[in-house]
Amino acid sequence: MPNYPTSGYMRAELCLRGHVITGDVENEPEKTSRFCGQCGADTIQSCPKCGAHLRGDHVYEGKNITWMTPTNYCYSCGTVYPWTRAKIAAAKEHAAEIEGLDKTERKQLQEAIDDLVIGGPRTDLAASRFKQFMRKAGVAVGSGLYKVVVDVASDIAKKLLVG
């Protein structure tokens, strides 16, 4: 029988590329590993900067009510996690290579990516710009970038981009 606290989060383990190893280290120690079985990257159970445990499965009234979804930033210190940093870098690199956009548009697209990930006052503007640039780039070119950005975007940005 699992040992859950009354409420809160279990400790998680993820690889540095964001694959979930387990959302419940305490009750599933057999699932932990030094390396990711999907990609071979090192795994972590805490924030590389502040050491706060990675939040895993959510528990309420002693029952596991939701499985974990990797977050972009540490809840304790605000540092971007390695998997988020890698996705943002890949999206910006992709944006820099889109033909059909001039240098200024590419820069605006890269800035929009940052705003979509953070999800703040500039999210509406960023979503609008992103959609505009994706239309200009075309479906074949923009679909890969679109997938990466939606994957790492804040919840608010996802709603604006996906509907």
C-alpha atoms as a PDB file:
ATOM      1  CA  MET A   1       0.000   0.000   0.000  1.00  0.00           C
ATOM      2  CA  PRO A   2       1.471   3.387  -1.013  1.00  0.00           C
ATOM      3  CA  ASN A   3       2.521   5.787   1.701  1.00  0.00           C
ATOM      4  CA  TYR A   4       1.068   9.191   0.748  1.00  0.00           C
ATOM      5  CA  PRO A   5       1.102  12.407   2.771  1.00  0.00           C
ATOM      6  CA  THR A   6      -2.231  14.102   3.499  1.00  0.00           C
ATOM      7  CA  SER A   7      -1.717  16.569   0.660  1.00  0.00           C
ATOM      8  CA  GLY A   8       1.030  18.011  -1.503  1.00  0.00           C
ATOM      9  CA  TYR A   9       3.409  16.630  -4.069  1.00  0.00           C
ATOM     10  CA  MET A  10       5.443  13.484  -4.187  1.00  0.00           C
ATOM     11  CA  ARG A  11       9.096  13.734  -5.237  1.00  0.00           C
ATOM     12  CA  ALA A  12       9.727  13.114  -8.936  1.00  0.00           C
ATOM     13  CA  GLU A  13      12.653  11.988 -11.031  1.00  0.00           C
ATOM     14  CA  LEU A  14      13.161  13.271 -14.573  1.00  0.00           C
ATOM     15  CA  CYS A  15      15.972  13.123 -17.042  1.00  0.00           C
ATOM     16  CA  LEU A  16      17.744  16.292 -18.124  1.00  0.00           C
ATOM     17  CA  ARG A  17      15.722  16.217 -21.366  1.00  0.00           C
ATOM     18  CA  GLY A  18      12.390  16.187 -19.514  1.00  0.00           C
ATOM     19  CA  HIS A  19      11.330  12.540 -19.705  1.00  0.00           C
ATOM     20  CA  VAL A  20       9.478  11.477 -16.562  1.00  0.00           C
ATOM     21  CA  ILE A  21      11.178   8.541 -14.864  1.00  0.00           C
ATOM     22  CA  THR A  22       8.686   8.498 -11.969  1.00  0.00           C
ATOM     23  CA  GLY A  23       6.311  10.950 -10.339  1.00  0.00           C
ATOM     24  CA  ASP A  24       6.605   9.148  -6.995  1.00  0.00           C
ATOM     25  CA  VAL A  25      10.172   8.331  -5.953  1.00  0.00           C
ATOM     26  CA  GLU A  26       9.128   7.372  -2.425  1.00  0.00           C
ATOM     27  CA  ASN A  27       6.634   4.680  -3.419  1.00  0.00           C
ATOM     28  CA  GLU A  28       8.274   3.593  -6.687  1.00  0.00           C
ATOM     29  CA  PRO A  29      12.003   3.436  -5.899  1.00  0.00           C
ATOM     30  CA  GLU A  30      12.388   0.540  -8.337  1.00  0.00           C
ATOM     31  CA  LYS A  31      11.601   2.938 -11.193  1.00  0.00           C
ATOM     32  CA  THR A  32      14.455   5.315 -10.389  1.00  0.00           C
ATOM     33  CA  SER A  33      17.606   5.135 -12.468  1.00  0.00           C
ATOM     34  CA  ARG A  34      20.854   6.977 -13.042  1.00  0.00           C
ATOM     35  CA  PHE A  35      20.116   7.361 -16.745  1.00  0.00           C
ATOM     36  CA  CYS A  36      16.957   7.777 -18.823  1.00  0.00           C
ATOM     37  CA  GLY A  37      15.742   4.633 -20.567  1.00  0.00           C
ATOM     38  CA  GLN A  38      14.369   6.728 -23.457  1.00  0.00           C
ATOM     39  CA  CYS A  39      17.331   8.940 -24.295  1.00  0.00           C
ATOM     40  CA  GLY A  40      20.259   8.015 -22.046  1.00  0.00           C
ATOM     41  CA  ALA A  41      20.501  11.417 -20.323  1.00  0.00           C
ATOM     42  CA  ASP A  42      21.366  11.750 -16.632  1.00  0.00           C
ATOM     43  CA  THR A  43      18.405  11.907 -14.251  1.00  0.00           C
ATOM     44  CA  ILE A  44      17.689  14.333 -11.416  1.00  0.00           C
ATOM     45  CA  GLN A  45      15.315  14.442  -8.455  1.00  0.00           C
ATOM     46  CA  SER A  46      15.944  18.045  -7.447  1.00  0.00           C
ATOM     47  CA  CYS A  47      16.562  21.475  -8.922  1.00  0.00           C
ATOM     48  CA  PRO A  48      20.184  21.756 -10.051  1.00  0.00           C
ATOM     49  CA  LYS A  49      20.385  25.290  -8.628  1.00  0.00           C
ATOM     50  CA  CYS A  50      18.610  25.265  -5.243  1.00  0.00           C
ATOM     51  CA  GLY A  51      18.173  21.557  -4.510  1.00  0.00           C
ATOM     52  CA  ALA A  52      14.374  21.685  -4.096  1.00  0.00           C
ATOM     53  CA  HIS A  53      12.741  18.346  -4.898  1.00  0.00           C
ATOM     54  CA  LEU A  54      11.108  18.082  -8.308  1.00  0.00           C
ATOM     55  CA  ARG A  55       7.352  18.076  -7.843  1.00  0.00           C
ATOM     56  CA  GLY A  56       5.790  14.795  -8.848  1.00  0.00           C
ATOM     57  CA  ASP A  57       2.329  13.305  -8.516  1.00  0.00           C
ATOM     58  CA  HIS A  58      -0.176  15.470  -6.664  1.00  0.00           C
ATOM     59  CA  VAL A  59      -1.707  14.012  -3.517  1.00  0.00           C
ATOM     60  CA  TYR A  60      -4.877  15.190  -1.756  1.00  0.00           C
ATOM     61  CA  GLU A  61      -6.489  13.613   1.302  1.00  0.00           C
ATOM     62  CA  GLY A  62      -3.897  10.842   1.195  1.00  0.00           C
ATOM     63  CA  LYS A  63      -4.757   9.805  -2.379  1.00  0.00           C
ATOM     64  CA  ASN A  64      -2.846  10.282  -5.604  1.00  0.00           C
ATOM     65  CA  ILE A  65      -5.193  12.492  -7.624  1.00  0.00           C
ATOM     66  CA  THR A  66      -3.061  13.594 -10.586  1.00  0.00           C
ATOM     67  CA  TRP A  67      -0.011  12.257 -12.357  1.00  0.00           C
ATOM     68  CA  MET A  68       2.817  14.691 -12.732  1.00  0.00           C
ATOM     69  CA  THR A  69       3.520  16.861 -15.721  1.00  0.00           C
ATOM     70  CA  PRO A  70       7.016  18.342 -15.931  1.00  0.00           C
ATOM     71  CA  THR A  71       7.070  22.063 -15.194  1.00  0.00           C
ATOM     72  CA  ASN A  72       9.269  24.614 -16.941  1.00  0.00           C
ATOM     73  CA  TYR A  73      10.638  26.392 -13.882  1.00  0.00           C
ATOM     74  CA  CYS A  74      11.586  25.516 -10.305  1.00  0.00           C
ATOM     75  CA  TYR A  75       8.818  26.429  -7.862  1.00  0.00           C
ATOM     76  CA  SER A  76      11.410  27.268  -5.201  1.00  0.00           C
ATOM     77  CA  CYS A  77      13.968  29.476  -6.977  1.00  0.00           C
ATOM     78  CA  GLY A  78      12.415  30.205 -10.398  1.00  0.00           C
ATOM     79  CA  THR A  79      15.311  28.722 -12.355  1.00  0.00           C
ATOM     80  CA  VAL A  80      14.501  27.323 -15.766  1.00  0.00           C
ATOM     81  CA  TYR A  81      14.879  23.541 -15.827  1.00  0.00           C
ATOM     82  CA  PRO A  82      17.408  21.988 -18.258  1.00  0.00           C
ATOM     83  CA  TRP A  83      14.696  20.424 -20.466  1.00  0.00           C
ATOM     84  CA  THR A  84      12.925  23.771 -20.822  1.00  0.00           C
ATOM     85  CA  ARG A  85      16.158  25.584 -21.662  1.00  0.00           C
ATOM     86  CA  ALA A  86      16.917  22.974 -24.357  1.00  0.00           C
ATOM     87  CA  LYS A  87      13.432  23.259 -25.895  1.00  0.00           C
ATOM     88  CA  ILE A  88      13.604  27.067 -25.954  1.00  0.00           C
ATOM     89  CA  ALA A  89      17.046  26.936 -27.576  1.00  0.00           C
ATOM     90  CA  ALA A  90      15.816  24.471 -30.203  1.00  0.00           C
ATOM     91  CA  ALA A  91      12.761  26.606 -30.962  1.00  0.00           C
ATOM     92  CA  LYS A  92      14.874  29.755 -31.330  1.00  0.00           C
ATOM     93  CA  GLU A  93      17.369  27.948 -33.546  1.00  0.00           C
ATOM     94  CA  HIS A  94      14.518  26.730 -35.727  1.00  0.00           C
ATOM     95  CA  ALA A  95      13.055  30.258 -35.852  1.00  0.00           C
ATOM     96  CA  ALA A  96      16.419  31.661 -36.971  1.00  0.00           C
ATOM     97  CA  GLU A  97      16.422  29.315 -39.959  1.00  0.00           C
ATOM     98  CA  ILE A  98      12.924  29.997 -41.305  1.00  0.00           C
ATOM     99  CA  GLU A  99      13.118  31.247 -44.848  1.00  0.00           C
ATOM    100  CA  GLY A 100      10.510  33.806 -45.815  1.00  0.00           C
ATOM    101  CA  LEU A 101      11.052  35.877 -42.677  1.00  0.00           C
ATOM    102  CA  ASP A 102      13.430  38.813 -42.643  1.00  0.00           C
ATOM    103  CA  LYS A 103      15.990  39.392 -39.892  1.00  0.00           C
ATOM    104  CA  THR A 104      13.639  41.621 -37.854  1.00  0.00           C
ATOM    105  CA  GLU A 105      10.796  39.110 -38.074  1.00  0.00           C
ATOM    106  CA  ARG A 106      13.079  36.281 -36.990  1.00  0.00           C
ATOM    107  CA  LYS A 107      14.151  38.312 -33.960  1.00  0.00           C
ATOM    108  CA  GLN A 108      10.513  39.124 -33.114  1.00  0.00           C
ATOM    109  CA  LEU A 109       9.632  35.442 -33.445  1.00  0.00           C
ATOM    110  CA  GLN A 110      12.442  34.468 -31.074  1.00  0.00           C
ATOM    111  CA  GLU A 111      11.281  37.083 -28.546  1.00  0.00           C
ATOM    112  CA  ALA A 112       7.700  35.817 -28.897  1.00  0.00           C
ATOM    113  CA  ILE A 113       8.907  32.318 -27.987  1.00  0.00           C
ATOM    114  CA  ASP A 114      10.278  33.638 -24.673  1.00  0.00           C
ATOM    115  CA  ASP A 115       6.980  35.400 -23.940  1.00  0.00           C
ATOM    116  CA  LEU A 116       4.959  32.273 -24.774  1.00  0.00           C
ATOM    117  CA  VAL A 117       7.002  30.178 -22.360  1.00  0.00           C
ATOM    118  CA  ILE A 118       6.804  32.671 -19.501  1.00  0.00           C
ATOM    119  CA  GLY A 119       3.107  33.476 -19.848  1.00  0.00           C
ATOM    120  CA  GLY A 120       2.742  37.045 -18.648  1.00  0.00           C
ATOM    121  CA  PRO A 121       1.417  40.381 -19.841  1.00  0.00           C
ATOM    122  CA  ARG A 122       2.951  39.917 -23.297  1.00  0.00           C
ATOM    123  CA  THR A 123       1.428  36.476 -23.933  1.00  0.00           C
ATOM    124  CA  ASP A 124      -1.478  37.718 -26.094  1.00  0.00           C
ATOM    125  CA  LEU A 125       0.871  39.762 -28.263  1.00  0.00           C
ATOM    126  CA  ALA A 126       3.333  36.876 -28.492  1.00  0.00           C
ATOM    127  CA  ALA A 127       0.615  34.408 -29.509  1.00  0.00           C
ATOM    128  CA  SER A 128      -0.643  36.783 -32.178  1.00  0.00           C
ATOM    129  CA  ARG A 129       2.860  37.332 -33.569  1.00  0.00           C
ATOM    130  CA  PHE A 130       3.672  33.645 -33.437  1.00  0.00           C
ATOM    131  CA  LYS A 131       0.527  32.735 -35.407  1.00  0.00           C
ATOM    132  CA  GLN A 132       1.258  35.486 -37.928  1.00  0.00           C
ATOM    133  CA  PHE A 133       4.813  34.292 -38.489  1.00  0.00           C
ATOM    134  CA  MET A 134       3.695  30.670 -38.744  1.00  0.00           C
ATOM    135  CA  ARG A 135       1.185  31.607 -41.467  1.00  0.00           C
ATOM    136  CA  LYS A 136       3.935  33.451 -43.296  1.00  0.00           C
ATOM    137  CA  ALA A 137       6.388  30.556 -42.917  1.00  0.00           C
ATOM    138  CA  GLY A 138       3.880  28.008 -44.172  1.00  0.00           C
ATOM    139  CA  VAL A 139       2.629  24.745 -42.735  1.00  0.00           C
ATOM    140  CA  ALA A 140       5.523  22.583 -43.919  1.00  0.00           C
ATOM    141  CA  VAL A 141       8.158  24.866 -42.409  1.00  0.00           C
ATOM    142  CA  GLY A 142       6.340  25.964 -39.279  1.00  0.00           C
ATOM    143  CA  SER A 143       4.818  22.694 -38.074  1.00  0.00           C
ATOM    144  CA  GLY A 144       7.965  21.465 -36.320  1.00  0.00           C
ATOM    145  CA  LEU A 145       8.501  24.785 -34.589  1.00  0.00           C
ATOM    146  CA  TYR A 146       4.837  24.943 -33.649  1.00  0.00           C
ATOM    147  CA  LYS A 147       5.032  21.544 -31.907  1.00  0.00           C
ATOM    148  CA  VAL A 148       8.115  22.503 -29.894  1.00  0.00           C
ATOM    149  CA  VAL A 149       6.680  25.858 -28.839  1.00  0.00           C
ATOM    150  CA  VAL A 150       3.303  24.429 -27.813  1.00  0.00           C
ATOM    151  CA  ASP A 151       5.098  21.752 -25.782  1.00  0.00           C
ATOM    152  CA  VAL A 152       7.026  24.326 -23.736  1.00  0.00           C
ATOM    153  CA  ALA A 153       4.452  27.162 -23.716  1.00  0.00           C
ATOM    154  CA  SER A 154       2.669  28.297 -20.565  1.00  0.00           C
ATOM    155  CA  ASP A 155      -0.902  27.059 -20.058  1.00  0.00           C
ATOM    156  CA  ILE A 156      -2.298  30.456 -21.049  1.00  0.00           C
ATOM    157  CA  ALA A 157      -0.214  30.519 -24.235  1.00  0.00           C
ATOM    158  CA  LYS A 158      -1.262  26.956 -25.130  1.00  0.00           C
ATOM    159  CA  LYS A 159      -4.921  27.999 -24.959  1.00  0.00           C
ATOM    160  CA  LEU A 160      -4.247  30.963 -27.224  1.00  0.00           C
ATOM    161  CA  LEU A 161      -2.266  28.883 -29.720  1.00  0.00           C
ATOM    162  CA  VAL A 162      -4.304  25.687 -29.762  1.00  0.00           C
ATOM    163  CA  GLY A 163      -7.730  26.977 -28.836  1.00  0.00           C
END
